Protein backbone atom coordinates (compact mmCIF):
# COMPACT_ATOMS: atom_id res chain seq x y z
CA MET A 1 152.15 31.81 115.03
CA LEU A 2 150.36 32.90 111.89
CA ILE A 3 146.63 32.24 111.56
CA LEU A 4 144.68 32.62 108.35
CA ILE A 5 140.94 33.23 108.60
CA SER A 6 138.74 32.64 105.57
CA PRO A 7 136.77 35.69 104.38
CA ALA A 8 133.70 33.54 103.63
CA LYS A 9 130.58 34.90 105.35
CA THR A 10 128.59 31.68 105.04
CA LEU A 11 129.73 28.10 104.64
CA ASP A 12 128.03 25.53 102.46
CA TYR A 13 127.74 22.35 104.53
CA GLN A 14 124.94 20.91 102.37
CA SER A 15 126.61 20.35 98.99
CA PRO A 16 128.42 17.05 98.52
CA LEU A 17 132.21 17.24 98.48
CA THR A 18 133.65 17.41 94.99
CA THR A 19 136.66 15.26 95.89
CA THR A 20 137.63 12.57 98.34
CA ARG A 21 141.29 13.60 98.28
CA TYR A 22 142.57 15.83 101.04
CA THR A 23 145.69 16.51 103.07
CA LEU A 24 146.02 16.94 106.80
CA PRO A 25 146.86 20.40 108.11
CA GLU A 26 150.57 20.78 108.75
CA LEU A 27 150.14 22.12 112.30
CA LEU A 28 147.37 19.78 113.40
CA ASP A 29 149.28 18.88 116.57
CA ASN A 30 149.09 22.52 117.70
CA SER A 31 145.34 22.75 117.16
CA GLN A 32 144.32 21.55 120.62
CA GLN A 33 146.16 24.44 122.32
CA LEU A 34 144.63 26.99 119.95
CA ILE A 35 141.14 25.54 120.41
CA HIS A 36 141.57 25.61 124.19
CA GLU A 37 142.52 29.31 124.16
CA ALA A 38 139.81 30.30 121.65
CA ARG A 39 137.10 28.72 123.82
CA LYS A 40 138.04 31.05 126.69
CA LEU A 41 137.10 34.13 124.65
CA THR A 42 133.69 35.76 124.94
CA PRO A 43 131.93 37.05 121.81
CA PRO A 44 132.80 40.69 122.70
CA GLN A 45 136.47 39.70 123.10
CA ILE A 46 136.39 37.89 119.76
CA SER A 47 134.76 40.93 118.14
CA THR A 48 137.53 43.20 119.41
CA LEU A 49 140.37 40.78 118.68
CA MET A 50 139.24 39.96 115.15
CA ARG A 51 137.72 43.39 114.40
CA ILE A 52 134.43 41.83 113.32
CA SER A 53 130.76 42.50 114.05
CA ASP A 54 129.12 41.28 117.25
CA LYS A 55 126.92 38.93 115.21
CA LEU A 56 129.89 37.32 113.45
CA ALA A 57 131.78 37.11 116.75
CA GLY A 58 128.88 35.14 118.24
CA ILE A 59 128.92 32.77 115.28
CA ASN A 60 132.68 32.30 115.63
CA ALA A 61 132.38 31.69 119.38
CA ALA A 62 129.90 28.89 118.66
CA ARG A 63 132.25 27.48 116.01
CA PHE A 64 135.18 27.53 118.45
CA HIS A 65 133.13 25.51 120.94
CA GLY A 66 132.20 23.03 118.21
CA LEU A 67 135.76 22.49 117.00
CA ALA A 68 137.61 19.27 117.64
CA ALA A 69 141.33 18.65 117.30
CA ARG A 70 140.55 15.38 115.54
CA PHE A 71 140.27 15.92 111.79
CA HIS A 72 137.84 14.38 109.33
CA ALA A 73 137.07 15.44 105.77
CA GLY A 74 133.42 16.29 106.51
CA GLU A 75 134.55 19.31 108.55
CA CYS A 76 136.08 20.97 105.49
CA PRO A 77 133.43 22.32 103.16
CA PRO A 78 134.74 23.20 99.70
CA GLY A 79 133.97 26.91 100.02
CA ASP A 80 131.30 29.45 100.69
CA SER A 81 127.75 29.37 99.43
CA GLY A 82 128.27 32.51 97.37
CA VAL A 83 126.23 34.75 99.65
């Protein structure tokens, strides 16, 4: 399985979406298994696995716990805030 992680450091959830058109992820059916496994990881494990800072690992751990396998367009911000 290949996973692509965005390099964005901050996400802009405040700006309105610039389009109402979107496509569903191709492997959406596999998401539940991935979410289940990611939620088992502690921030230190995430830090080691992803080779990221402890602070960013904590943020990602919180994101993993907030993920849902059900998709809706509001979960996909158009990009980072430029920070």
